[in-house]
Amino acid sequence: MAVSKIKQEEILLRMQKLNIRDGDLIEKFILGSGPGGQKVNKSATCVYLKHLPSNIEIKCSKDRSQEINRFLARRELCERLEKELLGIKTPKEKESEKIKKRKKRKERKAKRNMSVNL
């Protein structure tokens, strides 16, 4: 299963907006590890990216496919640069904030109920 052309074009546009050039990237392929059996341990599917101007390093081995890992590593690089340069929150951060707010609401509600029951 490969990355669709639409997603590839989107990531290239995103990289252009952030002024990320392929010449600024060091890309290496490393032997994978973890679940997946012998095939993963023998093939170089893990992608290592280093953006030289910002000195950001990313290592991605989320999938068995090298192509998908390349896409995911580039996407993560874009997210980190957006966070540093533009102050935009990543989807993971947004989700964790939602969870924290929910927990706070539950705690406040529990405290109110305890004080009413006394």
N, C-alpha and C. Protein backbone atom coordinates (compact mmCIF):
# COMPACT_ATOMS: atom_id res chain seq x y z
N MET A 1 0.85 -1.18 0.00
CA MET A 1 0.00 0.00 0.00
C MET A 1 0.89 1.24 0.00
N ALA A 2 0.71 2.06 -0.98
CA ALA A 2 1.55 3.24 -1.13
C ALA A 2 0.79 4.51 -0.74
N VAL A 3 1.53 5.59 -0.63
CA VAL A 3 0.94 6.90 -0.32
C VAL A 3 0.32 7.44 -1.59
N SER A 4 -0.89 7.97 -1.51
CA SER A 4 -1.57 8.48 -2.70
C SER A 4 -0.88 9.72 -3.25
N LYS A 5 -1.08 9.97 -4.53
CA LYS A 5 -0.45 11.13 -5.17
C LYS A 5 -0.94 12.43 -4.57
N ILE A 6 -2.19 12.46 -4.16
CA ILE A 6 -2.76 13.67 -3.56
C ILE A 6 -2.01 14.01 -2.27
N LYS A 7 -1.79 12.99 -1.42
CA LYS A 7 -1.08 13.22 -0.17
C LYS A 7 0.37 13.61 -0.43
N GLN A 8 0.99 13.02 -1.44
CA GLN A 8 2.37 13.38 -1.77
C GLN A 8 2.45 14.84 -2.21
N GLU A 9 1.49 15.27 -3.02
CA GLU A 9 1.48 16.66 -3.47
C GLU A 9 1.24 17.61 -2.30
N GLU A 10 0.34 17.22 -1.39
CA GLU A 10 0.04 18.06 -0.23
C GLU A 10 1.29 18.25 0.64
N ILE A 11 2.04 17.17 0.87
CA ILE A 11 3.23 17.28 1.71
C ILE A 11 4.30 18.11 1.01
N LEU A 12 4.40 18.01 -0.31
CA LEU A 12 5.37 18.83 -1.04
C LEU A 12 5.01 20.31 -0.96
N LEU A 13 3.72 20.64 -1.08
CA LEU A 13 3.28 22.02 -0.93
C LEU A 13 3.55 22.55 0.47
N ARG A 14 3.28 21.71 1.44
CA ARG A 14 3.51 22.10 2.84
C ARG A 14 5.00 22.36 3.09
N MET A 15 5.84 21.52 2.48
CA MET A 15 7.28 21.71 2.63
C MET A 15 7.74 22.99 1.93
N GLN A 16 7.15 23.30 0.79
CA GLN A 16 7.50 24.55 0.08
C GLN A 16 7.12 25.77 0.90
N LYS A 17 5.95 25.73 1.54
CA LYS A 17 5.51 26.85 2.37
C LYS A 17 6.47 27.10 3.53
N LEU A 18 7.04 26.02 4.06
CA LEU A 18 7.96 26.13 5.19
C LEU A 18 9.42 26.28 4.75
N ASN A 19 9.63 26.40 3.44
CA ASN A 19 10.97 26.55 2.86
C ASN A 19 11.89 25.37 3.20
N ILE A 20 11.35 24.17 3.11
CA ILE A 20 12.14 22.96 3.32
C ILE A 20 12.52 22.43 1.94
N ARG A 21 13.82 22.38 1.68
CA ARG A 21 14.29 21.85 0.40
C ARG A 21 14.92 20.49 0.63
N ASP A 22 14.91 19.67 -0.40
CA ASP A 22 15.52 18.34 -0.28
C ASP A 22 17.02 18.44 -0.02
N GLY A 23 17.65 19.52 -0.48
CA GLY A 23 19.07 19.72 -0.23
C GLY A 23 19.39 19.98 1.24
N ASP A 24 18.38 20.44 1.98
CA ASP A 24 18.57 20.72 3.41
C ASP A 24 18.37 19.48 4.27
N LEU A 25 17.96 18.38 3.66
CA LEU A 25 17.64 17.17 4.42
C LEU A 25 18.72 16.10 4.24
N ILE A 26 19.05 15.46 5.33
CA ILE A 26 19.88 14.25 5.29
C ILE A 26 18.92 13.10 5.54
N GLU A 27 18.87 12.17 4.59
CA GLU A 27 17.94 11.05 4.71
C GLU A 27 18.73 9.75 4.69
N LYS A 28 18.47 8.92 5.71
CA LYS A 28 19.12 7.62 5.80
C LYS A 28 18.05 6.57 6.03
N PHE A 29 18.36 5.37 5.61
CA PHE A 29 17.45 4.25 5.84
C PHE A 29 18.16 3.25 6.75
N ILE A 30 17.47 2.91 7.84
CA ILE A 30 18.06 2.10 8.89
C ILE A 30 17.26 0.80 8.99
N LEU A 31 17.91 -0.26 9.44
CA LEU A 31 17.20 -1.52 9.66
C LEU A 31 16.10 -1.31 10.68
N GLY A 32 14.94 -1.84 10.39
CA GLY A 32 13.81 -1.70 11.28
C GLY A 32 13.90 -2.64 12.46
N SER A 33 13.00 -2.48 13.41
CA SER A 33 12.93 -3.36 14.56
C SER A 33 11.50 -3.42 15.03
N GLY A 34 11.23 -4.28 15.97
CA GLY A 34 9.88 -4.38 16.53
C GLY A 34 9.06 -5.45 15.85
N PRO A 35 7.73 -5.37 16.00
CA PRO A 35 6.87 -6.41 15.44
C PRO A 35 6.91 -6.42 13.92
N GLY A 36 6.74 -7.59 13.35
CA GLY A 36 6.73 -7.71 11.90
C GLY A 36 7.55 -8.89 11.42
N GLY A 37 8.25 -9.54 12.33
CA GLY A 37 8.97 -10.75 11.98
C GLY A 37 10.30 -10.51 11.31
N GLN A 38 10.80 -11.57 10.67
CA GLN A 38 12.11 -11.54 10.05
C GLN A 38 12.24 -10.45 9.01
N LYS A 39 11.23 -10.25 8.22
CA LYS A 39 11.29 -9.29 7.11
C LYS A 39 11.66 -7.90 7.61
N VAL A 40 11.05 -7.47 8.71
CA VAL A 40 11.32 -6.14 9.25
C VAL A 40 12.76 -6.04 9.73
N ASN A 41 13.26 -7.10 10.33
CA ASN A 41 14.61 -7.06 10.88
C ASN A 41 15.69 -7.12 9.80
N LYS A 42 15.35 -7.55 8.59
CA LYS A 42 16.31 -7.66 7.51
C LYS A 42 16.31 -6.46 6.57
N SER A 43 15.20 -5.76 6.47
CA SER A 43 15.09 -4.69 5.48
C SER A 43 15.24 -3.31 6.14
N ALA A 44 15.75 -2.37 5.37
CA ALA A 44 15.98 -1.01 5.87
C ALA A 44 14.74 -0.16 5.61
N THR A 45 13.73 -0.30 6.48
CA THR A 45 12.49 0.44 6.29
C THR A 45 12.39 1.65 7.20
N CYS A 46 13.20 1.71 8.23
CA CYS A 46 13.17 2.84 9.16
C CYS A 46 13.82 4.04 8.48
N VAL A 47 13.18 5.20 8.57
CA VAL A 47 13.68 6.41 7.91
C VAL A 47 14.20 7.38 8.95
N TYR A 48 15.40 7.88 8.72
CA TYR A 48 16.02 8.90 9.57
C TYR A 48 16.14 10.17 8.75
N LEU A 49 15.55 11.26 9.24
CA LEU A 49 15.61 12.55 8.56
C LEU A 49 16.27 13.57 9.48
N LYS A 50 17.13 14.39 8.91
CA LYS A 50 17.71 15.49 9.68
C LYS A 50 17.61 16.75 8.83
N HIS A 51 16.96 17.77 9.39
CA HIS A 51 16.84 19.06 8.72
C HIS A 51 18.00 19.92 9.20
N LEU A 52 18.93 20.21 8.30
CA LEU A 52 20.17 20.89 8.68
C LEU A 52 19.97 22.30 9.23
N PRO A 53 19.16 23.17 8.61
CA PRO A 53 19.02 24.53 9.15
C PRO A 53 18.46 24.57 10.58
N SER A 54 17.49 23.72 10.89
CA SER A 54 16.88 23.75 12.22
C SER A 54 17.46 22.70 13.16
N ASN A 55 18.26 21.77 12.61
CA ASN A 55 18.88 20.70 13.38
C ASN A 55 17.86 19.76 14.02
N ILE A 56 16.70 19.61 13.39
CA ILE A 56 15.67 18.69 13.88
C ILE A 56 15.94 17.30 13.30
N GLU A 57 15.90 16.29 14.17
CA GLU A 57 16.10 14.91 13.76
C GLU A 57 14.82 14.12 13.99
N ILE A 58 14.48 13.29 13.00
CA ILE A 58 13.27 12.48 13.09
C ILE A 58 13.61 11.06 12.64
N LYS A 59 13.12 10.11 13.42
CA LYS A 59 13.30 8.71 13.09
C LYS A 59 11.91 8.07 13.06
N CYS A 60 11.55 7.49 11.93
CA CYS A 60 10.19 6.96 11.77
C CYS A 60 10.23 5.52 11.30
N SER A 61 9.60 4.64 12.07
CA SER A 61 9.48 3.23 11.68
C SER A 61 8.10 2.71 12.06
N LYS A 62 7.09 3.51 11.77
CA LYS A 62 5.73 3.15 12.16
C LYS A 62 5.12 2.08 11.27
N ASP A 63 5.62 1.95 10.05
CA ASP A 63 5.03 1.01 9.10
C ASP A 63 6.12 0.11 8.53
N ARG A 64 5.73 -0.98 7.89
CA ARG A 64 6.70 -1.87 7.26
C ARG A 64 7.24 -1.30 5.95
N SER A 65 6.50 -0.38 5.36
CA SER A 65 6.86 0.17 4.06
C SER A 65 7.78 1.37 4.20
N GLN A 66 8.86 1.37 3.42
CA GLN A 66 9.80 2.48 3.44
C GLN A 66 9.15 3.75 2.90
N GLU A 67 8.34 3.61 1.87
CA GLU A 67 7.68 4.78 1.26
C GLU A 67 6.74 5.47 2.24
N ILE A 68 5.98 4.70 2.97
CA ILE A 68 5.05 5.28 3.95
C ILE A 68 5.84 5.93 5.08
N ASN A 69 6.92 5.30 5.53
CA ASN A 69 7.74 5.89 6.58
C ASN A 69 8.39 7.19 6.13
N ARG A 70 8.78 7.27 4.86
CA ARG A 70 9.34 8.53 4.32
C ARG A 70 8.29 9.64 4.40
N PHE A 71 7.07 9.31 4.00
CA PHE A 71 5.98 10.29 4.03
C PHE A 71 5.70 10.73 5.47
N LEU A 72 5.61 9.76 6.38
CA LEU A 72 5.32 10.08 7.79
C LEU A 72 6.42 10.91 8.42
N ALA A 73 7.67 10.62 8.08
CA ALA A 73 8.79 11.39 8.63
C ALA A 73 8.73 12.84 8.14
N ARG A 74 8.44 13.03 6.86
CA ARG A 74 8.33 14.39 6.32
C ARG A 74 7.16 15.15 6.94
N ARG A 75 6.06 14.44 7.15
CA ARG A 75 4.89 15.07 7.78
C ARG A 75 5.22 15.51 9.21
N GLU A 76 5.93 14.66 9.94
CA GLU A 76 6.31 15.01 11.31
C GLU A 76 7.29 16.19 11.33
N LEU A 77 8.19 16.23 10.35
CA LEU A 77 9.13 17.35 10.24
C LEU A 77 8.36 18.65 10.02
N CYS A 78 7.37 18.61 9.14
CA CYS A 78 6.56 19.81 8.88
C CYS A 78 5.81 20.25 10.14
N GLU A 79 5.26 19.30 10.88
CA GLU A 79 4.54 19.63 12.11
C GLU A 79 5.47 20.28 13.13
N ARG A 80 6.67 19.75 13.28
CA ARG A 80 7.60 20.32 14.26
C ARG A 80 8.05 21.72 13.86
N LEU A 81 8.30 21.93 12.57
CA LEU A 81 8.71 23.25 12.11
C LEU A 81 7.57 24.26 12.25
N GLU A 82 6.34 23.84 11.95
CA GLU A 82 5.19 24.73 12.13
C GLU A 82 5.06 25.12 13.59
N LYS A 83 5.29 24.16 14.47
CA LYS A 83 5.19 24.43 15.90
C LYS A 83 6.25 25.45 16.33
N GLU A 84 7.48 25.27 15.85
CA GLU A 84 8.56 26.17 16.24
C GLU A 84 8.43 27.55 15.59
N LEU A 85 8.17 27.58 14.29
CA LEU A 85 8.16 28.85 13.57
C LEU A 85 6.86 29.62 13.72
N LEU A 86 5.75 28.92 13.58
CA LEU A 86 4.45 29.59 13.54
C LEU A 86 3.66 29.46 14.83
N GLY A 87 4.09 28.59 15.71
CA GLY A 87 3.35 28.40 16.96
C GLY A 87 2.07 27.61 16.80
N ILE A 88 1.94 26.88 15.69
CA ILE A 88 0.75 26.08 15.44
C ILE A 88 0.86 24.77 16.22
N LYS A 89 -0.21 24.40 16.89
CA LYS A 89 -0.21 23.17 17.68
C LYS A 89 -0.42 21.96 16.79
N THR A 90 0.25 20.89 17.13
CA THR A 90 0.11 19.65 16.38
C THR A 90 -1.21 18.97 16.77
N PRO A 91 -1.72 18.10 15.91
CA PRO A 91 -2.97 17.39 16.26
C PRO A 91 -2.87 16.61 17.57
N LYS A 92 -1.69 16.07 17.87
CA LYS A 92 -1.51 15.33 19.13
C LYS A 92 -1.68 16.26 20.32
N GLU A 93 -1.12 17.46 20.23
CA GLU A 93 -1.24 18.43 21.32
C GLU A 93 -2.68 18.87 21.50
N LYS A 94 -3.39 19.09 20.40
CA LYS A 94 -4.79 19.49 20.48
C LYS A 94 -5.61 18.42 21.18
N GLU A 95 -5.35 17.16 20.84
CA GLU A 95 -6.09 16.05 21.44
C GLU A 95 -5.78 15.95 22.93
N SER A 96 -4.52 16.12 23.33
CA SER A 96 -4.17 16.02 24.74
C SER A 96 -4.80 17.18 25.54
N GLU A 97 -4.91 18.36 24.93
CA GLU A 97 -5.57 19.47 25.61
C GLU A 97 -7.04 19.17 25.84
N LYS A 98 -7.70 18.56 24.85
CA LYS A 98 -9.11 18.18 25.00
C LYS A 98 -9.28 17.24 26.18
N ILE A 99 -8.40 16.26 26.27
CA ILE A 99 -8.48 15.27 27.34
C ILE A 99 -8.27 15.94 28.69
N LYS A 100 -7.30 16.85 28.79
CA LYS A 100 -7.06 17.56 30.05
C LYS A 100 -8.27 18.37 30.48
N LYS A 101 -8.91 19.05 29.52
CA LYS A 101 -10.10 19.84 29.84
C LYS A 101 -11.22 18.94 30.36
N ARG A 102 -11.39 17.79 29.71
CA ARG A 102 -12.42 16.85 30.14
C ARG A 102 -12.17 16.38 31.57
N LYS A 103 -10.92 16.07 31.87
CA LYS A 103 -10.57 15.60 33.22
C LYS A 103 -10.83 16.69 34.25
N LYS A 104 -10.49 17.93 33.92
CA LYS A 104 -10.72 19.03 34.85
C LYS A 104 -12.21 19.19 35.14
N ARG A 105 -13.03 19.10 34.07
CA ARG A 105 -14.47 19.21 34.26
C ARG A 105 -14.98 18.11 35.19
N LYS A 106 -14.49 16.89 35.00
CA LYS A 106 -14.91 15.77 35.84
C LYS A 106 -14.51 16.01 37.29
N GLU A 107 -13.29 16.52 37.50
CA GLU A 107 -12.82 16.78 38.86
C GLU A 107 -13.67 17.84 39.54
N ARG A 108 -13.99 18.92 38.82
CA ARG A 108 -14.81 19.99 39.40
C ARG A 108 -16.20 19.46 39.75
N LYS A 109 -16.74 18.65 38.85
CA LYS A 109 -18.07 18.09 39.09
C LYS A 109 -18.06 17.16 40.31
N ALA A 110 -17.00 16.36 40.45
CA ALA A 110 -16.89 15.45 41.57
C ALA A 110 -16.76 16.23 42.89
N LYS A 111 -15.98 17.32 42.88
CA LYS A 111 -15.84 18.15 44.08
C LYS A 111 -17.17 18.76 44.47
N ARG A 112 -17.91 19.27 43.48
CA ARG A 112 -19.23 19.86 43.77
C ARG A 112 -20.16 18.81 44.39
N ASN A 113 -20.16 17.61 43.84
CA ASN A 113 -21.01 16.56 44.36
C ASN A 113 -20.62 16.16 45.76
N MET A 114 -19.33 16.15 46.07
CA MET A 114 -18.88 15.79 47.41
C MET A 114 -19.31 16.86 48.43
N SER A 115 -19.21 18.12 48.04
CA SER A 115 -19.58 19.18 48.98
C SER A 115 -21.09 19.22 49.20
N VAL A 116 -21.87 18.84 48.22
CA VAL A 116 -23.32 18.81 48.36
C VAL A 116 -23.73 17.66 49.27
N ASN A 117 -23.04 16.53 49.17
CA ASN A 117 -23.39 15.36 49.95
C ASN A 117 -23.02 15.51 51.43
N LEU A 118 -22.13 16.41 51.77
CA LEU A 118 -21.73 16.59 53.16
C LEU A 118 -22.81 17.36 53.84
